[in-house]
Amino acid sequence: MSEPMDAEPVEIPFRELSADALRGVIEVYVLREGTDYGEVEYSLDDKVERVLRQLQRREARIVFNPNDESVSLELVG
């Protein structure tokens, strides 16, 4: 029987991901969030661009969790 893992999540610098991988991570986040943007409808591309800007401004980060081998996007602050 294996011991449960309790490794700390690791931040992945978004600039180290390929363009396709980065877009994939952001799209999963945007589509899962279901965020209400108010009365204005934004396209998927617009939402992806907004999150990319948050990553560039360090308002968000990409995190790899080795315990379940998942990647997530977290808001900082």
Protein backbone atom coordinates (compact mmCIF):
# COMPACT_ATOMS: atom_id res chain seq x y z
CA MET A 1 0.00 0.00 0.00
CA SER A 2 1.47 3.35 -0.99
CA GLU A 3 1.68 6.33 1.32
CA PRO A 4 -0.48 9.36 0.51
CA MET A 5 1.46 12.12 -1.16
CA ASP A 6 1.49 15.59 0.33
CA ALA A 7 3.85 17.47 -1.94
CA GLU A 8 3.45 21.21 -2.20
CA PRO A 9 1.96 22.68 -5.39
CA VAL A 10 4.52 24.25 -7.74
CA GLU A 11 4.05 27.47 -9.68
CA ILE A 12 4.67 27.08 -13.41
CA PRO A 13 5.93 30.26 -15.09
CA PHE A 14 3.43 30.85 -17.89
CA ARG A 15 6.18 31.99 -20.25
CA GLU A 16 7.69 28.50 -20.09
CA LEU A 17 4.57 26.92 -21.63
CA SER A 18 4.07 26.64 -25.36
CA ALA A 19 1.44 28.97 -26.80
CA ASP A 20 -0.94 26.03 -27.31
CA ALA A 21 -0.45 24.68 -23.78
CA LEU A 22 -0.93 28.12 -22.25
CA ARG A 23 -4.11 28.74 -24.21
CA GLY A 24 -5.40 25.30 -23.20
CA VAL A 25 -4.86 26.00 -19.49
CA ILE A 26 -6.53 29.40 -19.77
CA GLU A 27 -9.47 28.05 -21.78
CA VAL A 28 -10.14 25.31 -19.23
CA TYR A 29 -10.15 27.95 -16.48
CA VAL A 30 -12.40 30.35 -18.39
CA LEU A 31 -14.88 27.68 -19.43
CA ARG A 32 -15.02 26.15 -15.94
CA GLU A 33 -15.42 29.46 -14.15
CA GLY A 34 -18.70 30.47 -15.77
CA THR A 35 -17.94 34.00 -14.65
CA ASP A 36 -20.64 36.58 -15.15
CA TYR A 37 -19.13 39.53 -17.01
CA GLY A 38 -22.24 41.69 -16.62
CA GLU A 39 -24.46 42.85 -19.45
CA VAL A 40 -21.72 42.64 -22.07
CA GLU A 41 -20.99 39.29 -23.67
CA TYR A 42 -17.32 38.52 -24.26
CA SER A 43 -15.99 36.00 -26.74
CA LEU A 44 -13.75 33.15 -25.64
CA ASP A 45 -10.80 34.96 -27.22
CA ASP A 46 -11.60 38.10 -25.21
CA LYS A 47 -11.78 36.10 -21.97
CA VAL A 48 -8.52 34.30 -22.74
CA GLU A 49 -6.82 37.64 -23.43
CA ARG A 50 -8.06 39.06 -20.11
CA VAL A 51 -6.61 36.11 -18.19
CA LEU A 52 -3.34 36.34 -20.13
CA ARG A 53 -3.06 39.98 -19.05
CA GLN A 54 -3.67 38.90 -15.43
CA LEU A 55 -0.80 36.42 -15.75
CA GLN A 56 1.46 39.11 -17.23
CA ARG A 57 0.61 41.48 -14.36
CA ARG A 58 1.13 38.66 -11.83
CA GLU A 59 -2.48 38.90 -10.71
CA ALA A 60 -2.86 35.20 -11.53
CA ARG A 61 -0.56 32.19 -11.66
CA ILE A 62 -0.48 28.66 -13.03
CA VAL A 63 0.04 25.94 -10.45
CA PHE A 64 0.86 22.23 -10.82
CA ASN A 65 -0.31 19.97 -8.00
CA PRO A 66 1.92 16.86 -7.92
CA ASN A 67 -0.49 15.06 -5.58
CA ASP A 68 -3.18 14.69 -8.20
CA GLU A 69 -1.10 15.79 -11.21
CA SER A 70 -3.47 18.63 -12.00
CA VAL A 71 -2.81 22.09 -13.38
CA SER A 72 -4.88 25.04 -12.27
CA LEU A 73 -4.97 28.78 -12.59
CA GLU A 74 -5.22 30.80 -9.39
CA LEU A 75 -5.87 34.46 -8.78
CA VAL A 76 -3.24 36.06 -6.57
CA GLY A 77 -4.14 38.28 -3.69
